[in-house]
Protein backbone atom coordinates (compact mmCIF):
# COMPACT_ATOMS: atom_id res chain seq x y z
CA MET A 1 69.95 74.62 96.69
CA ALA A 2 70.49 71.84 94.18
CA ASN A 3 71.25 68.35 95.42
CA ASN A 4 70.93 70.03 99.01
CA LYS A 5 74.59 71.75 98.43
CA THR A 6 75.13 75.59 99.35
CA THR A 7 75.62 77.27 95.97
CA VAL A 8 78.39 79.77 96.01
CA PHE A 9 78.54 82.23 93.13
CA HIS A 10 82.03 83.70 92.20
CA SER A 11 83.29 85.66 88.49
CA ARG A 12 86.86 85.11 89.23
CA VAL A 13 88.68 84.40 85.70
CA ALA A 14 91.55 82.36 84.76
CA ASP A 15 93.60 79.73 86.49
CA SER A 16 92.07 81.28 89.99
CA ALA A 17 88.48 80.74 89.11
CA GLN A 18 89.36 77.02 87.95
CA GLU A 19 91.62 76.23 91.44
CA LEU A 20 88.39 77.78 93.52
CA ASN A 21 85.77 75.63 91.48
CA HIS A 22 88.00 72.60 92.43
CA LEU A 23 88.49 73.64 96.35
CA LEU A 24 84.43 74.36 96.42
CA ARG A 25 83.63 70.63 94.90
CA ALA A 26 86.20 69.41 97.47
CA GLU A 27 84.12 70.78 100.33
CA HIS A 28 80.88 70.02 99.10
CA PHE A 29 79.71 73.04 97.99
CA LEU A 30 78.21 73.97 94.55
CA PRO A 31 80.12 76.68 92.33
CA LEU A 32 78.45 78.68 89.81
CA HIS A 33 80.90 80.28 87.93
CA CYS A 34 79.93 83.06 85.77
CA PRO A 35 82.39 85.37 84.55
CA ILE A 36 80.97 88.64 84.40
CA PHE A 37 83.89 90.65 83.07
CA GLU A 38 86.88 90.38 80.60
CA LEU A 39 90.40 91.53 81.27
CA GLN A 40 91.69 93.67 78.56
CA LYS A 41 94.96 96.28 78.08
CA GLY A 42 94.30 99.45 80.39
CA SER A 43 94.67 102.82 79.26
CA ASP A 44 98.57 103.25 80.38
CA LEU A 45 99.90 100.03 79.00
CA ASN A 46 101.76 101.41 75.86
CA LEU A 47 103.55 103.97 77.94
CA ILE A 48 105.58 101.26 79.57
CA ASP A 49 108.86 101.33 78.12
CA ASN A 50 108.67 104.45 77.12
CA ASP A 51 110.94 107.64 77.98
CA ARG A 52 109.32 108.85 80.82
CA PHE A 53 109.25 105.35 82.53
CA ASN A 54 112.85 104.87 81.90
CA SER A 55 113.44 108.21 83.27
CA ILE A 56 112.17 106.96 86.38
CA LEU A 57 114.03 104.11 86.82
CA LEU A 58 117.23 105.66 85.71
CA GLY A 59 116.39 108.81 88.10
CA SER A 60 116.62 106.13 91.16
CA SER A 61 120.38 106.27 92.53
CA SER A 62 119.41 102.96 94.14
CA PRO A 63 117.23 100.17 93.94
CA LEU A 64 115.70 101.28 97.12
CA ASP A 65 114.80 104.82 96.06
CA THR A 66 111.58 103.37 94.05
CA ILE A 67 108.66 101.27 95.23
CA LEU A 68 106.79 99.51 92.78
CA ILE A 69 103.01 98.66 93.73
CA PHE A 70 100.89 95.83 92.54
CA THR A 71 97.32 96.03 93.14
CA SER A 72 96.62 92.30 91.74
CA GLN A 73 98.30 89.21 89.78
CA TYR A 74 96.88 90.88 86.67
CA ALA A 75 98.72 93.88 87.06
CA VAL A 76 101.57 91.32 86.88
CA GLU A 77 100.93 89.41 84.42
CA PHE A 78 99.77 92.38 81.94
CA LEU A 79 103.12 94.43 82.82
CA GLN A 80 105.01 91.33 82.13
CA HIS A 81 103.46 91.25 78.88
CA ALA A 82 104.03 95.18 78.26
CA ILE A 83 107.94 94.89 78.84
CA GLN A 84 109.47 92.95 75.86
CA HIS A 85 113.53 94.30 76.49
CA LYS A 86 115.72 92.25 79.38
CA LYS A 87 117.03 95.63 79.73
CA LEU A 88 114.22 97.52 81.11
CA LEU A 89 112.90 94.33 83.04
CA ASN A 90 115.83 93.33 84.80
CA PRO A 91 116.32 97.00 86.82
CA LEU A 92 112.69 96.55 88.07
CA LEU A 93 113.65 92.50 89.28
CA GLU A 94 116.01 94.23 91.68
CA MET A 95 113.64 97.09 93.15
CA GLN A 96 111.44 96.54 96.36
CA CYS A 97 107.91 95.60 95.31
CA VAL A 98 104.76 95.82 97.49
CA ALA A 99 102.00 92.91 96.63
CA VAL A 100 98.27 93.69 98.31
CA GLY A 101 98.08 89.91 98.60
CA GLN A 102 99.41 86.35 98.69
CA THR A 103 98.49 85.66 95.41
CA THR A 104 100.07 88.75 93.84
CA ALA A 105 103.18 88.47 95.83
CA LYS A 106 103.41 85.05 94.16
CA LYS A 107 102.89 85.72 90.99
CA LEU A 108 105.54 88.37 91.15
CA VAL A 109 108.17 85.95 92.53
CA GLN A 110 107.39 83.32 89.91
CA ALA A 111 108.08 86.28 87.63
CA GLY A 112 111.56 86.93 88.99
CA PHE A 113 110.81 89.73 91.46
CA LYS A 114 113.48 89.35 94.26
CA ASN A 115 112.11 91.69 97.17
CA VAL A 116 108.59 91.24 97.51
CA LEU A 117 106.73 92.52 100.77
CA THR A 118 102.98 92.35 101.34
CA PRO A 119 101.15 94.13 104.42
CA THR A 120 99.45 92.62 107.21
CA ALA A 121 95.95 93.30 106.03
CA PRO A 122 95.89 93.22 102.18
CA THR A 123 94.17 96.84 101.54
CA SER A 124 95.66 100.08 100.25
CA GLU A 125 95.67 100.95 104.60
CA GLY A 126 97.68 97.84 104.70
CA ILE A 127 100.08 99.12 102.01
CA LEU A 128 100.47 102.35 103.42
CA GLN A 129 101.30 101.24 106.63
CA LEU A 130 104.22 99.27 105.52
CA PRO A 131 107.53 100.97 106.61
CA VAL A 132 109.36 100.80 103.38
CA ILE A 133 106.44 103.00 101.96
CA GLN A 134 107.11 105.71 104.02
CA THR A 135 110.65 105.84 104.04
CA SER A 136 110.60 105.49 99.86
CA LYS A 137 111.32 108.55 97.89
CA GLN A 138 108.85 107.45 95.05
CA ALA A 139 106.83 104.63 93.97
CA ILE A 140 104.99 103.46 91.12
CA LEU A 141 101.70 101.92 91.14
CA PHE A 142 100.64 99.31 88.55
CA LYS A 143 96.70 98.72 88.94
CA GLY A 144 93.44 98.35 87.31
CA GLU A 145 91.76 101.59 85.86
CA GLN A 146 89.28 101.85 88.68
CA GLY A 147 90.01 102.37 92.67
CA ARG A 148 93.15 103.05 94.80
CA ASP A 149 92.66 106.81 95.39
CA LYS A 150 93.59 106.23 99.07
CA LEU A 151 96.95 105.64 97.59
CA ALA A 152 97.38 108.43 95.36
CA ASN A 153 96.21 110.76 97.77
CA ALA A 154 98.11 109.07 100.80
CA PHE A 155 101.37 110.09 98.47
CA ARG A 156 100.06 113.42 97.55
CA LEU A 157 100.11 114.44 101.29
CA ALA A 158 103.44 112.63 102.12
CA ASN A 159 104.74 115.35 98.96
CA LYS A 160 106.09 112.00 97.36
CA PRO A 161 106.01 111.19 93.69
CA LEU A 162 103.71 108.62 92.90
CA THR A 163 103.65 107.31 89.18
CA THR A 164 100.24 105.52 88.51
CA TYR A 165 99.93 103.20 85.49
CA ASN A 166 96.54 101.67 84.59
CA VAL A 167 97.64 98.48 82.89
CA TYR A 168 94.64 96.55 82.67
CA LYS A 169 90.92 97.08 82.80
CA ARG A 170 87.41 95.32 83.03
CA GLN A 171 85.03 94.79 79.89
CA TRP A 172 81.54 94.02 81.55
CA VAL A 173 80.03 91.01 79.82
CA ASP A 174 76.09 90.64 78.68
CA LEU A 175 74.30 88.62 80.79
CA SER A 176 71.02 87.39 79.49
CA GLU A 177 67.98 87.51 82.17
CA THR A 178 68.28 83.61 82.31
CA GLN A 179 71.67 83.52 83.53
CA LEU A 180 70.84 86.63 86.16
CA GLN A 181 67.61 84.30 87.47
CA GLN A 182 70.85 81.58 88.03
CA ILE A 183 72.92 83.99 89.56
CA ASN A 184 69.78 85.27 91.87
CA ARG A 185 69.25 81.29 93.00
CA CYS A 186 72.69 81.08 94.67
CA ASP A 187 73.09 80.89 98.56
CA VAL A 188 76.39 82.80 98.95
CA PHE A 189 77.87 85.52 96.78
CA ILE A 190 82.04 86.11 96.61
CA PHE A 191 82.50 89.62 95.85
CA THR A 192 86.46 90.79 95.13
CA SER A 193 86.09 94.07 94.48
CA GLY A 194 83.36 96.61 94.96
CA GLU A 195 83.33 97.14 91.64
CA ILE A 196 81.99 93.46 90.73
CA ALA A 197 79.69 93.70 93.23
CA GLN A 198 78.33 97.16 92.14
CA HIS A 199 77.72 96.14 88.64
CA LEU A 200 75.78 92.50 89.64
CA TYR A 201 73.64 94.36 92.20
CA ARG A 202 72.40 96.84 89.59
CA LEU A 203 71.50 94.28 86.95
CA VAL A 204 70.12 91.60 89.65
CA VAL A 205 68.14 94.23 91.29
CA ASP A 206 66.94 96.29 88.32
CA LYS A 207 65.95 93.04 86.11
CA ILE A 208 65.27 90.30 88.94
CA SER A 209 64.69 90.83 92.19
CA PRO A 210 65.26 93.53 94.84
CA ASP A 211 65.56 90.38 97.23
CA PHE A 212 69.22 90.06 96.31
CA VAL A 213 70.56 92.61 98.92
CA HIS A 214 69.48 90.06 101.41
CA LYS A 215 71.96 87.51 100.29
CA LEU A 216 74.90 86.33 102.22
CA VAL A 217 77.77 87.68 100.61
CA LEU A 218 81.79 87.78 101.33
CA VAL A 219 84.03 90.52 100.93
CA PRO A 220 88.01 90.75 101.07
CA SER A 221 87.80 94.33 103.22
CA GLU A 222 86.37 96.15 105.11
CA ARG A 223 86.35 99.04 102.30
CA VAL A 224 84.06 96.70 100.52
CA ALA A 225 82.03 95.64 103.02
CA LYS A 226 81.57 98.97 103.36
CA GLN A 227 80.50 99.64 99.90
CA LEU A 228 77.65 97.15 99.94
CA THR A 229 76.46 98.23 103.32
CA GLU A 230 75.55 101.39 101.64
CA TYR A 231 73.61 99.53 98.62
CA GLY A 232 71.32 97.90 100.84
CA PHE A 233 73.25 94.24 101.61
CA ASP A 234 72.26 93.37 105.06
CA GLN A 235 74.36 90.25 105.31
CA VAL A 236 77.79 91.23 104.50
CA ILE A 237 80.99 89.56 105.66
CA ASN A 238 84.67 90.67 105.77
CA ILE A 239 87.10 87.51 105.99
CA GLY A 240 89.94 89.70 105.41
CA SER A 241 91.36 88.45 101.94
CA ALA A 242 90.44 87.66 98.49
CA SER A 243 92.76 84.44 98.47
CA ASN A 244 90.87 81.09 97.18
CA HIS A 245 92.11 79.04 100.38
CA ASN A 246 90.94 82.02 102.82
CA ILE A 247 87.71 81.93 101.14
CA ILE A 248 87.12 78.19 101.49
CA ALA A 249 88.26 78.51 105.15
CA HIS A 250 85.46 80.92 105.57
CA LEU A 251 82.78 78.89 104.16
CA ARG A 252 84.15 75.80 105.93
CA LYS A 253 83.64 77.66 109.32
CA PHE A 254 80.52 78.78 108.51
CA LYS A 255 79.02 75.51 107.85
CA GLY A 256 75.98 74.21 109.89
CA SER A 257 75.52 77.82 111.08
CA VAL A 258 74.42 80.55 108.80
CA LEU A 259 74.66 78.08 105.42
CA THR A 260 72.01 76.54 106.71
């Protein structure tokens, strides 16, 4: 460990990355921030503001009939960029929204959404347990191009319409062998999704070292923890949320124990 500090890897992007780097340094951790993907427009982003989208909104007799579900702050940001007309945006702001976590909720409030709910557990399972989901007539899901099949299956079983828009996607960045070696030397890894963990796992294990699976890994949900366990990771800790402050709180708790 450089300078006897615990080195923490993460691949957060934009403002979230800068905030986490600052928080890590303040707690005397050494951050290794290596973006392994770029965010790009999703395959459905151009479908926003078309006739079908308008018909879904106009078909609601009440703003409470339709629930908007956002799976990340990036879904909010890409939706904002896609909607150019206040005539379309204003009805959305009145609808009930479900944000998967506090960071997404904060982004929705900043965008002007007035009725924002978050589940107790920031997971698909947590979203499905919300009473507004169970009583709603239909929902619109804004997400990245991977994951959240559990939500779609649950709505299908309940015989409720769920319209899904994949508004963004991850585009993987090429990493050099030197970068992968530097990543492999880290002490702790923050993986905020199973997709990110799987991608890096394949690169490091194939090109650098099979011992990568023995690293200490922090993940935001039981679903991601299970995925990593299936890959062979044997030090996976579910910290229950991907928020930066939650990550720091758990790292602080581990100081002097599993990090020594």
